[in-house]
């Protein structure tokens, strides 16, 4: 009797040990699959889940996962090709439209100047002036789409080199002097005397600055205030553009850099200015952030890495 009990106990112990080994093996295989999927989500490699196993369930799981991965890679490739094609089409359309727009703008300017004569009826001059302003808006919108398509397709050349950021800020804000004076803005410019240098693409940073200043004038114009401050912190150069307009809600701040998003009425602007600024900042290795308090102020910060 005791011998039979001992044999049964031994058999049960063997079964228990075997089950523990099987459990550890199954756990190892599942952990491998989990880690492999996590690594594939981080890298851009088109890898698969390959694991030698005798477990039929794990084999089936691996087969299904690899089928899903294959479908995903095919869809991803199709999406990238479609994205490139659309970017190229947009570039071509923008390029084709810009030429007749240049002619339209030239004629609208001449028409506005001609109708500015005192002998002309006031409503005729008003219509000519409106045509000229709308031509400017259309050219600006087309240029924004053209720039965005070049960024998306990777055709926008970026050359980083050591530049005088202080001078760039001074030259950029100087371009707005007449407009700010005409609109009776209070302007607060704080640029330190010792020049500040950073590795940037001069044209890209100037485009970002102009987009932010245009945005402050257009959307924060009610506050009649514009600030431009250049400082350094922890080896980084920081440019801040501020206004005292209506500000933005926390939800608006989360979406403000999204393409085609705008806080203004639908007929105002393309909604691409800040999206372009964000993309350009990323391309020159900078960060673009926003901080806003509703009905008080908004500040956009360009952080140029050291």
C-alpha atoms as a PDB file:
ATOM      1  CA  UNK A   1       0.000   0.000   0.000  1.00  0.00           C
ATOM      2  CA  UNK A   2       2.759   2.400   0.965  1.00  0.00           C
ATOM      3  CA  UNK A   3       4.684   1.431  -2.136  1.00  0.00           C
ATOM      4  CA  UNK A   4       1.685   2.251  -4.344  1.00  0.00           C
ATOM      5  CA  UNK A   5       1.217   5.593  -2.577  1.00  0.00           C
ATOM      6  CA  UNK A   6       4.892   6.418  -3.065  1.00  0.00           C
ATOM      7  CA  UNK A   7       4.711   5.567  -6.765  1.00  0.00           C
ATOM      8  CA  UNK A   8       1.594   7.731  -7.266  1.00  0.00           C
ATOM      9  CA  UNK A   9       3.193  10.613  -5.410  1.00  0.00           C
ATOM     10  CA  UNK A  10       6.305  10.330  -7.568  1.00  0.00           C
ATOM     11  CA  UNK A  11       4.210  10.291 -10.749  1.00  0.00           C
ATOM     12  CA  UNK A  12       2.223  13.340  -9.607  1.00  0.00           C
ATOM     13  CA  UNK A  13       5.470  15.147  -8.782  1.00  0.00           C
ATOM     14  CA  UNK A  14       6.834  14.396 -12.252  1.00  0.00           C
ATOM     15  CA  UNK A  15       3.605  15.679 -13.839  1.00  0.00           C
ATOM     16  CA  UNK A  16       3.742  18.834 -11.739  1.00  0.00           C
ATOM     17  CA  UNK A  17       7.372  19.487 -12.688  1.00  0.00           C
ATOM     18  CA  UNK A  18       6.558  18.869 -16.370  1.00  0.00           C
ATOM     19  CA  UNK A  19       3.620  21.288 -16.190  1.00  0.00           C
ATOM     20  CA  UNK A  20       5.854  23.926 -14.581  1.00  0.00           C
ATOM     21  CA  UNK A  21       8.392  23.487 -17.379  1.00  0.00           C
ATOM     22  CA  UNK A  22       5.638  23.768 -19.988  1.00  0.00           C
ATOM     23  CA  UNK A  23       4.241  26.864 -18.279  1.00  0.00           C
ATOM     24  CA  UNK A  24       7.682  28.523 -18.219  1.00  0.00           C
ATOM     25  CA  UNK A  25       8.208  27.672 -21.882  1.00  0.00           C
ATOM     26  CA  UNK A  26       4.783  29.065 -22.814  1.00  0.00           C
ATOM     27  CA  UNK A  27       5.453  32.214 -20.780  1.00  0.00           C
ATOM     28  CA  UNK A  28       8.839  32.650 -22.497  1.00  0.00           C
ATOM     29  CA  UNK A  29       7.280  32.322 -25.956  1.00  0.00           C
ATOM     30  CA  UNK A  30       4.473  34.779 -25.161  1.00  0.00           C
ATOM     31  CA  UNK A  31       7.003  37.275 -23.727  1.00  0.00           C
ATOM     32  CA  UNK A  32       9.063  36.930 -26.893  1.00  0.00           C
ATOM     33  CA  UNK A  33       6.026  37.669 -29.064  1.00  0.00           C
ATOM     34  CA  UNK A  34       5.129  40.687 -26.892  1.00  0.00           C
ATOM     35  CA  UNK A  35       8.687  42.081 -27.002  1.00  0.00           C
ATOM     36  CA  UNK A  36       8.939  41.451 -30.738  1.00  0.00           C
ATOM     37  CA  UNK A  37       5.710  43.315 -31.476  1.00  0.00           C
ATOM     38  CA  UNK A  38       6.831  46.189 -29.239  1.00  0.00           C
ATOM     39  CA  UNK A  39      10.152  46.454 -31.099  1.00  0.00           C
ATOM     40  CA  UNK A  40       8.404  46.399 -34.488  1.00  0.00           C
ATOM     41  CA  UNK A  41       6.159  49.293 -33.397  1.00  0.00           C
ATOM     42  CA  UNK A  42       9.238  51.414 -32.625  1.00  0.00           C
ATOM     43  CA  UNK A  43      11.444  50.612 -35.613  1.00  0.00           C
ATOM     44  CA  UNK A  44      10.565  51.090 -39.267  1.00  0.00           C
ATOM     45  CA  UNK A  45      11.744  47.596 -40.232  1.00  0.00           C
ATOM     46  CA  UNK A  46       9.190  45.290 -41.854  1.00  0.00           C
ATOM     47  CA  UNK A  47       9.884  42.367 -39.526  1.00  0.00           C
ATOM     48  CA  UNK A  48       7.840  39.371 -38.516  1.00  0.00           C
ATOM     49  CA  UNK A  49       7.290  37.144 -35.486  1.00  0.00           C
ATOM     50  CA  UNK A  50       9.457  34.045 -35.980  1.00  0.00           C
ATOM     51  CA  UNK A  51       9.568  31.568 -33.090  1.00  0.00           C
ATOM     52  CA  UNK A  52      10.397  27.823 -33.076  1.00  0.00           C
ATOM     53  CA  UNK A  53       7.743  26.101 -30.969  1.00  0.00           C
ATOM     54  CA  UNK A  54       5.953  22.789 -30.636  1.00  0.00           C
ATOM     55  CA  UNK A  55       2.860  24.435 -29.174  1.00  0.00           C
ATOM     56  CA  UNK A  56       0.069  24.395 -31.779  1.00  0.00           C
ATOM     57  CA  UNK A  57      -1.694  27.405 -30.223  1.00  0.00           C
ATOM     58  CA  UNK A  58       1.479  29.492 -30.354  1.00  0.00           C
ATOM     59  CA  UNK A  59       2.052  28.414 -33.966  1.00  0.00           C
ATOM     60  CA  UNK A  60      -1.471  29.542 -34.910  1.00  0.00           C
ATOM     61  CA  UNK A  61      -1.040  32.836 -33.031  1.00  0.00           C
ATOM     62  CA  UNK A  62       2.273  33.499 -34.789  1.00  0.00           C
ATOM     63  CA  UNK A  63       0.768  32.716 -38.197  1.00  0.00           C
ATOM     64  CA  UNK A  64      -2.174  35.073 -37.636  1.00  0.00           C
ATOM     65  CA  UNK A  65       0.098  37.849 -36.350  1.00  0.00           C
ATOM     66  CA  UNK A  66       2.403  37.522 -39.362  1.00  0.00           C
ATOM     67  CA  UNK A  67      -0.573  37.687 -41.715  1.00  0.00           C
ATOM     68  CA  UNK A  68      -1.764  40.865 -40.008  1.00  0.00           C
ATOM     69  CA  UNK A  69       1.757  42.322 -40.130  1.00  0.00           C
ATOM     70  CA  UNK A  70       2.045  41.555 -43.843  1.00  0.00           C
ATOM     71  CA  UNK A  71      -1.290  43.285 -44.517  1.00  0.00           C
ATOM     72  CA  UNK A  72      -0.171  46.244 -42.416  1.00  0.00           C
ATOM     73  CA  UNK A  73       3.112  46.597 -44.322  1.00  0.00           C
ATOM     74  CA  UNK A  74       1.273  46.482 -47.657  1.00  0.00           C
ATOM     75  CA  UNK A  75      -1.205  49.151 -46.537  1.00  0.00           C
ATOM     76  CA  UNK A  76       1.637  51.225 -45.113  1.00  0.00           C
ATOM     77  CA  UNK A  77       3.516  51.060 -48.417  1.00  0.00           C
ATOM     78  CA  UNK A  78       0.386  52.005 -50.358  1.00  0.00           C
ATOM     79  CA  UNK A  79      -0.238  54.911 -47.984  1.00  0.00           C
ATOM     80  CA  UNK A  80       3.322  56.227 -48.354  1.00  0.00           C
ATOM     81  CA  UNK A  81       3.081  56.000 -52.146  1.00  0.00           C
ATOM     82  CA  UNK A  82      -0.294  57.742 -52.125  1.00  0.00           C
ATOM     83  CA  UNK A  83       1.055  60.402 -49.774  1.00  0.00           C
ATOM     84  CA  UNK A  84       4.033  61.079 -52.050  1.00  0.00           C
ATOM     85  CA  UNK A  85       1.787  61.160 -55.122  1.00  0.00           C
ATOM     86  CA  UNK A  86      -0.632  63.603 -53.498  1.00  0.00           C
ATOM     87  CA  UNK A  87       2.244  65.809 -52.372  1.00  0.00           C
ATOM     88  CA  UNK A  88       3.606  65.842 -55.919  1.00  0.00           C
ATOM     89  CA  UNK A  89       0.178  66.638 -57.378  1.00  0.00           C
ATOM     90  CA  UNK A  90      -0.237  69.477 -54.875  1.00  0.00           C
ATOM     91  CA  UNK A  91       3.223  70.792 -55.767  1.00  0.00           C
ATOM     92  CA  UNK A  92       2.408  70.704 -59.474  1.00  0.00           C
ATOM     93  CA  UNK A  93      -0.964  72.394 -58.987  1.00  0.00           C
ATOM     94  CA  UNK A  94       0.559  75.074 -56.765  1.00  0.00           C
ATOM     95  CA  UNK A  95       3.319  75.705 -59.294  1.00  0.00           C
ATOM     96  CA  UNK A  96       0.863  75.919 -62.206  1.00  0.00           C
ATOM     97  CA  UNK A  97      -1.415  78.330 -60.340  1.00  0.00           C
ATOM     98  CA  UNK A  98       1.370  80.637 -59.149  1.00  0.00           C
ATOM     99  CA  UNK A  99       2.244  81.879 -62.654  1.00  0.00           C
ATOM    100  CA  UNK A 100      -1.234  83.187 -63.594  1.00  0.00           C
ATOM    101  CA  UNK A 101      -1.614  84.500 -60.038  1.00  0.00           C
ATOM    102  CA  UNK A 102       1.481  86.659 -60.509  1.00  0.00           C
ATOM    103  CA  UNK A 103      -0.123  88.171 -63.627  1.00  0.00           C
ATOM    104  CA  UNK A 104      -3.411  88.631 -61.760  1.00  0.00           C
ATOM    105  CA  UNK A 105      -1.649  90.375 -58.880  1.00  0.00           C
ATOM    106  CA  UNK A 106       0.213  92.727 -61.225  1.00  0.00           C
ATOM    107  CA  UNK A 107      -2.998  93.744 -62.961  1.00  0.00           C
ATOM    108  CA  UNK A 108      -4.935  94.086 -59.699  1.00  0.00           C
ATOM    109  CA  UNK A 109      -2.278  96.489 -58.382  1.00  0.00           C
ATOM    110  CA  UNK A 110      -2.449  98.589 -61.545  1.00  0.00           C
ATOM    111  CA  UNK A 111      -6.256  98.569 -61.411  1.00  0.00           C
ATOM    112  CA  UNK A 112      -6.201  99.681 -57.770  1.00  0.00           C
ATOM    113  CA  UNK A 113      -3.773 102.506 -58.574  1.00  0.00           C
ATOM    114  CA  UNK A 114      -5.816 103.665 -61.574  1.00  0.00           C
ATOM    115  CA  UNK A 115      -9.097 103.699 -59.643  1.00  0.00           C
ATOM    116  CA  UNK A 116      -7.421 105.643 -56.840  1.00  0.00           C
ATOM    117  CA  UNK A 117      -7.886 108.738 -58.976  1.00  0.00           C
ATOM    118  CA  UNK A 118     -10.293 111.228 -57.293  1.00  0.00           C
ATOM    119  CA  UNK A 119     -12.360 111.362 -60.473  1.00  0.00           C
ATOM    120  CA  UNK A 120     -13.229 107.681 -60.095  1.00  0.00           C
ATOM    121  CA  UNK A 121     -16.371 106.689 -58.167  1.00  0.00           C
ATOM    122  CA  UNK A 122     -15.573 105.551 -54.633  1.00  0.00           C
ATOM    123  CA  UNK A 123     -17.289 102.184 -55.078  1.00  0.00           C
ATOM    124  CA  UNK A 124     -15.129 101.405 -58.132  1.00  0.00           C
ATOM    125  CA  UNK A 125     -11.949 102.038 -56.144  1.00  0.00           C
ATOM    126  CA  UNK A 126     -13.313  99.951 -53.241  1.00  0.00           C
ATOM    127  CA  UNK A 127     -13.977  96.996 -55.571  1.00  0.00           C
ATOM    128  CA  UNK A 128     -10.532  97.301 -57.190  1.00  0.00           C
ATOM    129  CA  UNK A 129      -8.888  97.477 -53.768  1.00  0.00           C
ATOM    130  CA  UNK A 130     -10.813  94.403 -52.615  1.00  0.00           C
ATOM    131  CA  UNK A 131      -9.718  92.473 -55.729  1.00  0.00           C
ATOM    132  CA  UNK A 132      -6.091  93.409 -54.985  1.00  0.00           C
ATOM    133  CA  UNK A 133      -6.351  92.290 -51.335  1.00  0.00           C
ATOM    134  CA  UNK A 134      -8.016  89.009 -52.290  1.00  0.00           C
ATOM    135  CA  UNK A 135      -5.237  88.385 -54.819  1.00  0.00           C
ATOM    136  CA  UNK A 136      -2.741  88.808 -51.960  1.00  0.00           C
ATOM    137  CA  UNK A 137      -4.714  86.339 -49.824  1.00  0.00           C
ATOM    138  CA  UNK A 138      -4.851  83.810 -52.649  1.00  0.00           C
ATOM    139  CA  UNK A 139      -1.118  84.084 -53.334  1.00  0.00           C
ATOM    140  CA  UNK A 140      -0.390  83.635 -49.617  1.00  0.00           C
ATOM    141  CA  UNK A 141      -2.644  80.548 -49.458  1.00  0.00           C
ATOM    142  CA  UNK A 142      -1.089  78.975 -52.559  1.00  0.00           C
ATOM    143  CA  UNK A 143       2.411  79.631 -51.192  1.00  0.00           C
ATOM    144  CA  UNK A 144       1.426  77.950 -47.914  1.00  0.00           C
ATOM    145  CA  UNK A 145       0.166  74.844 -49.709  1.00  0.00           C
ATOM    146  CA  UNK A 146       3.273  74.829 -51.890  1.00  0.00           C
ATOM    147  CA  UNK A 147       5.542  75.006 -48.843  1.00  0.00           C
ATOM    148  CA  UNK A 148       3.580  72.321 -46.979  1.00  0.00           C
ATOM    149  CA  UNK A 149       3.725  69.967 -49.965  1.00  0.00           C
ATOM    150  CA  UNK A 150       7.491  70.459 -50.255  1.00  0.00           C
ATOM    151  CA  UNK A 151       7.934  69.723 -46.547  1.00  0.00           C
ATOM    152  CA  UNK A 152       5.726  66.613 -46.782  1.00  0.00           C
ATOM    153  CA  UNK A 153       7.609  65.281 -49.808  1.00  0.00           C
ATOM    154  CA  UNK A 154      11.017  66.014 -48.270  1.00  0.00           C
ATOM    155  CA  UNK A 155      11.936  68.402 -51.102  1.00  0.00           C
ATOM    156  CA  UNK A 156      12.496  71.442 -48.909  1.00  0.00           C
ATOM    157  CA  UNK A 157      16.268  72.007 -48.620  1.00  0.00           C
ATOM    158  CA  UNK A 158      17.458  72.670 -45.064  1.00  0.00           C
ATOM    159  CA  UNK A 159      21.043  73.809 -44.460  1.00  0.00           C
ATOM    160  CA  UNK A 160      22.030  74.317 -40.837  1.00  0.00           C
ATOM    161  CA  UNK A 161      24.885  76.674 -40.090  1.00  0.00           C
ATOM    162  CA  UNK A 162      25.889  79.124 -37.397  1.00  0.00           C
ATOM    163  CA  UNK A 163      23.824  82.300 -37.834  1.00  0.00           C
ATOM    164  CA  UNK A 164      23.293  85.564 -35.963  1.00  0.00           C
ATOM    165  CA  UNK A 165      19.818  85.034 -34.474  1.00  0.00           C
ATOM    166  CA  UNK A 166      19.787  88.544 -32.968  1.00  0.00           C
ATOM    167  CA  UNK A 167      20.196  90.161 -36.382  1.00  0.00           C
ATOM    168  CA  UNK A 168      17.580  87.866 -37.933  1.00  0.00           C
ATOM    169  CA  UNK A 169      15.040  88.870 -35.263  1.00  0.00           C
ATOM    170  CA  UNK A 170      15.829  92.569 -35.741  1.00  0.00           C
ATOM    171  CA  UNK A 171      15.559  92.407 -39.540  1.00  0.00           C
ATOM    172  CA  UNK A 172      12.293  90.432 -39.389  1.00  0.00           C
ATOM    173  CA  UNK A 173      10.486  92.730 -36.955  1.00  0.00           C
ATOM    174  CA  UNK A 174      11.739  95.747 -38.916  1.00  0.00           C
ATOM    175  CA  UNK A 175       9.772  94.501 -41.947  1.00  0.00           C
ATOM    176  CA  UNK A 176       6.592  94.987 -39.875  1.00  0.00           C
ATOM    177  CA  UNK A 177       7.432  98.466 -38.560  1.00  0.00           C
ATOM    178  CA  UNK A 178       5.119 100.407 -40.890  1.00  0.00           C
ATOM    179  CA  UNK A 179       2.216  97.967 -40.457  1.00  0.00           C
ATOM    180  CA  UNK A 180       2.499  97.946 -36.649  1.00  0.00           C
ATOM    181  CA  UNK A 181       2.698 101.745 -36.560  1.00  0.00           C
ATOM    182  CA  UNK A 182      -0.316 102.017 -38.850  1.00  0.00           C
ATOM    183  CA  UNK A 183      -2.317  99.676 -36.628  1.00  0.00           C
ATOM    184  CA  UNK A 184      -1.126 101.577 -33.526  1.00  0.00           C
ATOM    185  CA  UNK A 185       0.411  98.545 -31.823  1.00  0.00           C
ATOM    186  CA  UNK A 186       2.443  98.792 -28.662  1.00  0.00           C
ATOM    187  CA  UNK A 187       5.652  96.960 -29.558  1.00  0.00           C
ATOM    188  CA  UNK A 188       7.945  95.439 -26.934  1.00  0.00           C
ATOM    189  CA  UNK A 189      11.268  94.307 -28.419  1.00  0.00           C
ATOM    190  CA  UNK A 190      13.844  92.750 -26.105  1.00  0.00           C
ATOM    191  CA  UNK A 191      16.988  91.632 -27.928  1.00  0.00           C
ATOM    192  CA  UNK A 192      20.229  91.645 -25.897  1.00  0.00           C
ATOM    193  CA  UNK A 193      23.176  93.684 -27.175  1.00  0.00           C
ATOM    194  CA  UNK A 194      25.687  90.830 -27.342  1.00  0.00           C
ATOM    195  CA  UNK A 195      24.654  88.917 -30.488  1.00  0.00           C
ATOM    196  CA  UNK A 196      23.254  85.426 -29.973  1.00  0.00           C
ATOM    197  CA  UNK A 197      24.275  82.718 -32.436  1.00  0.00           C
ATOM    198  CA  UNK A 198      22.698  79.339 -33.148  1.00  0.00           C
ATOM    199  CA  UNK A 199      22.875  76.615 -35.781  1.00  0.00           C
ATOM    200  CA  UNK A 200      19.803  77.256 -37.917  1.00  0.00           C
ATOM    201  CA  UNK A 201      18.514  77.470 -41.452  1.00  0.00           C
ATOM    202  CA  UNK A 202      18.164  81.230 -41.897  1.00  0.00           C
ATOM    203  CA  UNK A 203      15.268  81.091 -44.369  1.00  0.00           C
ATOM    204  CA  UNK A 204      13.341  78.492 -42.376  1.00  0.00           C
ATOM    205  CA  UNK A 205      13.622  80.401 -39.084  1.00  0.00           C
ATOM    206  CA  UNK A 206      12.623  83.663 -40.747  1.00  0.00           C
ATOM    207  CA  UNK A 207       9.543  81.943 -42.189  1.00  0.00           C
ATOM    208  CA  UNK A 208       8.626  80.678 -38.715  1.00  0.00           C
ATOM    209  CA  UNK A 209       9.048  84.159 -37.222  1.00  0.00           C
ATOM    210  CA  UNK A 210       6.943  85.808 -39.916  1.00  0.00           C
ATOM    211  CA  UNK A 211       4.191  83.219 -39.529  1.00  0.00           C
ATOM    212  CA  UNK A 212       4.091  83.805 -35.772  1.00  0.00           C
ATOM    213  CA  UNK A 213       4.106  87.606 -36.124  1.00  0.00           C
ATOM    214  CA  UNK A 214       1.381  87.444 -38.793  1.00  0.00           C
ATOM    215  CA  UNK A 215      -0.623  85.200 -36.483  1.00  0.00           C
ATOM    216  CA  UNK A 216      -0.204  87.622 -33.553  1.00  0.00           C
ATOM    217  CA  UNK A 217      -1.321  90.586 -35.661  1.00  0.00           C
ATOM    218  CA  UNK A 218      -4.256  88.735 -37.231  1.00  0.00           C
ATOM    219  CA  UNK A 219      -5.608  86.865 -34.208  1.00  0.00           C
ATOM    220  CA  UNK A 220      -4.281  88.956 -31.332  1.00  0.00           C
ATOM    221  CA  UNK A 221      -4.787  92.330 -32.938  1.00  0.00           C
ATOM    222  CA  UNK A 222      -7.547  93.385 -30.525  1.00  0.00           C
ATOM    223  CA  UNK A 223      -4.943  93.741 -27.788  1.00  0.00           C
ATOM    224  CA  UNK A 224      -2.839  96.162 -29.912  1.00  0.00           C
ATOM    225  CA  UNK A 225       0.293  94.626 -28.455  1.00  0.00           C
ATOM    226  CA  UNK A 226       3.176  92.618 -29.894  1.00  0.00           C
ATOM    227  CA  UNK A 227       6.319  91.439 -28.144  1.00  0.00           C
ATOM    228  CA  UNK A 228       9.463  89.787 -29.445  1.00  0.00           C
ATOM    229  CA  UNK A 229      11.988  88.585 -26.888  1.00  0.00           C
ATOM    230  CA  UNK A 230      15.267  86.767 -27.452  1.00  0.00           C
ATOM    231  CA  UNK A 231      16.873  85.073 -24.450  1.00  0.00           C
ATOM    232  CA  UNK A 232      19.159  82.157 -23.623  1.00  0.00           C
ATOM    233  CA  UNK A 233      18.612  79.372 -21.104  1.00  0.00           C
ATOM    234  CA  UNK A 234      20.663  76.220 -20.426  1.00  0.00           C
ATOM    235  CA  UNK A 235      22.630  76.845 -23.584  1.00  0.00           C
ATOM    236  CA  UNK A 236      19.490  77.126 -25.746  1.00  0.00           C
ATOM    237  CA  UNK A 237      18.320  80.258 -27.570  1.00  0.00           C
ATOM    238  CA  UNK A 238      14.644  81.106 -27.040  1.00  0.00           C
ATOM    239  CA  UNK A 239      12.563  83.453 -29.207  1.00  0.00           C
ATOM    240  CA  UNK A 240       9.154  84.445 -27.819  1.00  0.00           C
ATOM    241  CA  UNK A 241       6.380  86.117 -29.823  1.00  0.00           C
ATOM    242  CA  UNK A 242       3.539  87.410 -27.641  1.00  0.00           C
ATOM    243  CA  UNK A 243       0.235  89.237 -28.011  1.00  0.00           C
ATOM    244  CA  UNK A 244      -2.568  90.440 -25.720  1.00  0.00           C
ATOM    245  CA  UNK A 245      -5.448  89.135 -27.811  1.00  0.00           C
ATOM    246  CA  UNK A 246      -8.306  86.786 -26.966  1.00  0.00           C
ATOM    247  CA  UNK A 247      -5.996  83.897 -26.177  1.00  0.00           C
ATOM    248  CA  UNK A 248      -6.866  80.213 -26.543  1.00  0.00           C
ATOM    249  CA  UNK A 249      -8.509  77.507 -24.490  1.00  0.00           C
ATOM    250  CA  UNK A 250      -6.451  74.465 -23.424  1.00  0.00           C
ATOM    251  CA  UNK A 251      -8.238  72.409 -26.113  1.00  0.00           C
ATOM    252  CA  UNK A 252      -7.373  74.953 -28.808  1.00  0.00           C
ATOM    253  CA  UNK A 253      -3.741  74.950 -27.698  1.00  0.00           C
ATOM    254  CA  UNK A 254      -3.604  71.174 -28.227  1.00  0.00           C
ATOM    255  CA  UNK A 255      -4.846  71.529 -31.831  1.00  0.00           C
ATOM    256  CA  UNK A 256      -3.264  74.817 -32.854  1.00  0.00           C
ATOM    257  CA  UNK A 257      -0.398  73.215 -34.801  1.00  0.00           C
ATOM    258  CA  UNK A 258      -2.657  70.792 -36.683  1.00  0.00           C
ATOM    259  CA  UNK A 259      -2.922  71.268 -40.426  1.00  0.00           C
ATOM    260  CA  UNK A 260      -5.864  73.458 -41.538  1.00  0.00           C
ATOM    261  CA  UNK A 261      -6.856  74.192 -37.922  1.00  0.00           C
ATOM    262  CA  UNK A 262      -7.631  77.828 -37.176  1.00  0.00           C
ATOM    263  CA  UNK A 263      -9.307  79.698 -34.343  1.00  0.00           C
ATOM    264  CA  UNK A 264     -10.476  82.394 -36.735  1.00  0.00           C
ATOM    265  CA  UNK A 265     -13.604  82.441 -38.865  1.00  0.00           C
ATOM    266  CA  UNK A 266     -13.538  80.021 -41.790  1.00  0.00           C
ATOM    267  CA  UNK A 267     -12.990  82.722 -44.398  1.00  0.00           C
ATOM    268  CA  UNK A 268      -9.789  83.923 -42.739  1.00  0.00           C
ATOM    269  CA  UNK A 269      -6.513  82.248 -43.661  1.00  0.00           C
ATOM    270  CA  UNK A 270      -5.631  78.746 -44.785  1.00  0.00           C
ATOM    271  CA  UNK A 271      -4.907  77.374 -41.325  1.00  0.00           C
ATOM    272  CA  UNK A 272      -1.488  76.234 -42.538  1.00  0.00           C
ATOM    273  CA  UNK A 273       0.763  78.951 -41.102  1.00  0.00           C
ATOM    274  CA  UNK A 274       1.310  77.405 -37.676  1.00  0.00           C
ATOM    275  CA  UNK A 275       1.413  73.849 -39.063  1.00  0.00           C
ATOM    276  CA  UNK A 276       4.186  74.945 -41.434  1.00  0.00           C
ATOM    277  CA  UNK A 277       5.998  76.654 -38.555  1.00  0.00           C
ATOM    278  CA  UNK A 278       5.835  73.469 -36.472  1.00  0.00           C
ATOM    279  CA  UNK A 279       7.182  71.324 -39.310  1.00  0.00           C
ATOM    280  CA  UNK A 280       9.969  73.796 -40.100  1.00  0.00           C
ATOM    281  CA  UNK A 281      10.941  73.967 -36.419  1.00  0.00           C
ATOM    282  CA  UNK A 282      11.241  70.177 -36.347  1.00  0.00           C
ATOM    283  CA  UNK A 283      13.376  70.222 -39.491  1.00  0.00           C
ATOM    284  CA  UNK A 284      15.906  72.641 -37.977  1.00  0.00           C
ATOM    285  CA  UNK A 285      15.972  70.725 -34.688  1.00  0.00           C
ATOM    286  CA  UNK A 286      13.972  73.304 -32.721  1.00  0.00           C
ATOM    287  CA  UNK A 287      10.839  73.115 -30.591  1.00  0.00           C
ATOM    288  CA  UNK A 288       7.766  75.301 -31.055  1.00  0.00           C
ATOM    289  CA  UNK A 289       5.504  75.677 -28.043  1.00  0.00           C
ATOM    290  CA  UNK A 290       2.471  77.782 -27.136  1.00  0.00           C
ATOM    291  CA  UNK A 291       1.216  79.126 -23.832  1.00  0.00           C
ATOM    292  CA  UNK A 292      -2.038  81.044 -23.654  1.00  0.00           C
ATOM    293  CA  UNK A 293      -4.486  82.456 -21.127  1.00  0.00           C
ATOM    294  CA  UNK A 294      -7.921  83.214 -22.526  1.00  0.00           C
ATOM    295  CA  UNK A 295      -8.806  86.913 -22.792  1.00  0.00           C
ATOM    296  CA  UNK A 296      -5.321  87.818 -21.592  1.00  0.00           C
ATOM    297  CA  UNK A 297      -2.296  86.785 -23.669  1.00  0.00           C
ATOM    298  CA  UNK A 298      -0.670  84.225 -25.947  1.00  0.00           C
ATOM    299  CA  UNK A 299       3.034  83.432 -26.282  1.00  0.00           C
ATOM    300  CA  UNK A 300       4.690  81.248 -28.902  1.00  0.00           C
ATOM    301  CA  UNK A 301       8.205  80.079 -28.034  1.00  0.00           C
ATOM    302  CA  UNK A 302      10.837  78.870 -30.486  1.00  0.00           C
ATOM    303  CA  UNK A 303      13.486  76.906 -28.603  1.00  0.00           C
ATOM    304  CA  UNK A 304      16.687  76.595 -30.606  1.00  0.00           C
ATOM    305  CA  UNK A 305      18.765  73.721 -29.296  1.00  0.00           C
ATOM    306  CA  UNK A 306      22.428  74.310 -28.485  1.00  0.00           C
END
